[in-house]
């Protein structure tokens, strides 16, 4: 089964930095993304996505602008978009056609669901082993808690 670029990015962060190389130089924990870098990320994200799917370049530009506008219209989401991993999750949510939530709790819920979906799909060889989201969260929550 051939995986999309989005799936590859979510399951292998190195691909994110390969496809969006400006992140290597642009991000520092001491200097989070500003609006210019967020805009550049949005454009690069949709440009990278368009490489894996035949899409109209004007559509790519339009979607990048929509992503950027939806980020900056929500201050709580904009604060999260200053981090490469989180803006990648935000971009993926937008790419899948979902409306960005108004607050970070909802965003984290969608991000967790998205990551779990990809995580399970990439690790389960037999569909009979699939568990629903709540079961996976119940299994992984104690592990995550002990990691922290």
Protein backbone atom coordinates (compact mmCIF):
# COMPACT_ATOMS: atom_id res chain seq x y z
CA UNK A 1 0.00 0.00 0.00
CA UNK A 2 1.48 3.34 -1.05
CA UNK A 3 1.34 5.98 1.67
CA UNK A 4 0.58 9.61 0.98
CA UNK A 5 3.08 12.33 1.79
CA UNK A 6 0.89 13.40 4.71
CA UNK A 7 1.04 9.89 6.19
CA UNK A 8 4.80 9.78 5.67
CA UNK A 9 5.25 13.16 7.35
CA UNK A 10 3.16 12.16 10.35
CA UNK A 11 4.92 8.84 10.81
CA UNK A 12 8.45 10.00 10.04
CA UNK A 13 9.43 13.51 11.15
CA UNK A 14 12.62 13.34 9.06
CA UNK A 15 10.47 13.51 5.93
CA UNK A 16 8.95 16.72 7.26
CA UNK A 17 12.40 18.27 7.41
CA UNK A 18 13.34 16.81 4.01
CA UNK A 19 10.23 18.17 2.29
CA UNK A 20 10.19 21.45 4.21
CA UNK A 21 13.92 22.11 4.67
CA UNK A 22 13.53 25.72 5.76
CA UNK A 23 12.36 24.37 9.13
CA UNK A 24 15.87 23.16 9.96
CA UNK A 25 17.14 26.72 9.92
CA UNK A 26 13.98 28.61 10.76
CA UNK A 27 13.03 27.08 14.10
CA UNK A 28 14.62 27.63 17.43
CA UNK A 29 12.84 27.04 20.75
CA UNK A 30 14.11 30.47 21.77
CA UNK A 31 12.63 32.07 18.67
CA UNK A 32 9.24 30.56 17.73
CA UNK A 33 7.71 31.00 14.29
CA UNK A 34 6.39 34.47 13.63
CA UNK A 35 3.62 35.20 11.12
CA UNK A 36 6.08 35.34 8.21
CA UNK A 37 7.42 31.89 9.04
CA UNK A 38 3.91 30.55 9.57
CA UNK A 39 2.96 31.88 6.12
CA UNK A 40 6.09 30.32 4.59
CA UNK A 41 5.27 27.01 6.27
CA UNK A 42 1.70 27.06 4.90
CA UNK A 43 2.98 27.68 1.37
CA UNK A 44 5.67 24.99 1.70
CA UNK A 45 3.22 22.50 3.20
CA UNK A 46 0.80 22.73 0.30
CA UNK A 47 3.65 22.81 -2.21
CA UNK A 48 5.00 19.56 -0.70
CA UNK A 49 1.53 18.00 -0.68
CA UNK A 50 1.02 18.95 -4.34
CA UNK A 51 4.11 16.88 -5.24
CA UNK A 52 2.30 13.72 -4.16
CA UNK A 53 -1.04 14.60 -5.75
CA UNK A 54 -1.77 16.21 -9.08
CA UNK A 55 -3.43 19.49 -8.12
CA UNK A 56 -3.82 22.86 -9.71
CA UNK A 57 -1.11 25.26 -8.48
CA UNK A 58 -3.66 28.03 -7.99
CA UNK A 59 -5.57 25.64 -5.74
CA UNK A 60 -2.38 24.97 -3.80
CA UNK A 61 -1.83 28.68 -3.26
CA UNK A 62 -5.48 29.21 -2.32
CA UNK A 63 -5.39 26.39 0.23
CA UNK A 64 -2.13 27.67 1.70
CA UNK A 65 -3.73 31.10 2.14
CA UNK A 66 -6.83 29.56 3.71
CA UNK A 67 -4.67 27.63 6.15
CA UNK A 68 -2.72 30.75 7.08
CA UNK A 69 -5.87 32.83 7.54
CA UNK A 70 -7.54 30.15 9.64
CA UNK A 71 -4.47 30.02 11.89
CA UNK A 72 -4.11 33.75 12.46
CA UNK A 73 -7.84 34.27 13.02
CA UNK A 74 -7.64 32.17 16.18
CA UNK A 75 -5.06 33.53 18.64
CA UNK A 76 -4.87 30.33 20.67
CA UNK A 77 -4.20 28.28 17.53
CA UNK A 78 -1.70 30.86 16.26
CA UNK A 79 0.32 30.48 19.47
CA UNK A 80 0.50 26.73 18.87
CA UNK A 81 1.44 27.22 15.21
CA UNK A 82 4.76 28.69 16.33
CA UNK A 83 6.05 25.12 16.82
CA UNK A 84 6.94 22.95 13.76
CA UNK A 85 5.30 19.77 15.05
CA UNK A 86 2.11 21.53 16.06
CA UNK A 87 1.82 23.54 12.86
CA UNK A 88 2.30 20.27 10.95
CA UNK A 89 -0.63 18.78 12.85
CA UNK A 90 -2.66 21.94 12.24
CA UNK A 91 -1.85 21.78 8.52
CA UNK A 92 -2.84 18.12 8.39
CA UNK A 93 -6.17 18.86 10.06
CA UNK A 94 -6.79 21.63 7.54
CA UNK A 95 -5.68 19.44 4.63
CA UNK A 96 -8.17 16.73 5.63
CA UNK A 97 -10.91 19.33 5.26
CA UNK A 98 -11.62 19.83 8.92
CA UNK A 99 -12.25 23.27 10.36
CA UNK A 100 -9.60 24.33 12.83
CA UNK A 101 -11.00 24.36 16.34
CA UNK A 102 -11.24 27.50 18.42
CA UNK A 103 -9.04 26.34 21.27
CA UNK A 104 -6.03 24.19 21.93
CA UNK A 105 -7.91 21.49 23.88
CA UNK A 106 -10.03 20.70 20.83
CA UNK A 107 -6.93 20.89 18.62
CA UNK A 108 -5.05 18.44 20.84
CA UNK A 109 -8.03 16.09 20.77
CA UNK A 110 -8.10 16.11 16.95
CA UNK A 111 -4.30 15.80 16.81
CA UNK A 112 -4.33 12.85 19.21
CA UNK A 113 -7.01 11.14 17.17
CA UNK A 114 -5.08 11.75 13.94
CA UNK A 115 -1.79 10.48 15.34
CA UNK A 116 -3.45 7.43 16.86
CA UNK A 117 -5.14 6.65 13.56
CA UNK A 118 -1.81 6.71 11.69
CA UNK A 119 0.03 4.96 14.51
CA UNK A 120 -2.43 2.07 14.58
CA UNK A 121 -2.60 1.78 10.77
CA UNK A 122 1.18 1.53 10.56
CA UNK A 123 1.59 -1.04 13.32
CA UNK A 124 -1.35 -3.40 12.95
CA UNK A 125 -0.99 -6.09 10.32
CA UNK A 126 -4.40 -7.70 10.79
CA UNK A 127 -7.66 -5.73 10.93
CA UNK A 128 -8.94 -8.06 13.66
CA UNK A 129 -6.33 -6.46 15.93
CA UNK A 130 -7.73 -2.95 15.39
CA UNK A 131 -9.12 -1.25 18.44
CA UNK A 132 -11.25 1.85 18.63
CA UNK A 133 -9.79 5.19 19.69
CA UNK A 134 -10.96 4.90 23.30
CA UNK A 135 -9.34 1.46 23.70
CA UNK A 136 -6.03 2.71 22.27
CA UNK A 137 -6.10 5.76 24.56
CA UNK A 138 -6.84 3.53 27.56
CA UNK A 139 -3.84 1.36 26.66
CA UNK A 140 -1.41 4.21 25.93
CA UNK A 141 -2.45 6.70 28.63
CA UNK A 142 -0.58 5.00 31.51
CA UNK A 143 2.51 4.68 29.32
CA UNK A 144 2.37 8.36 28.37
CA UNK A 145 1.83 9.36 31.99
CA UNK A 146 4.88 7.38 33.12
CA UNK A 147 7.03 8.86 30.36
CA UNK A 148 6.36 12.34 31.69
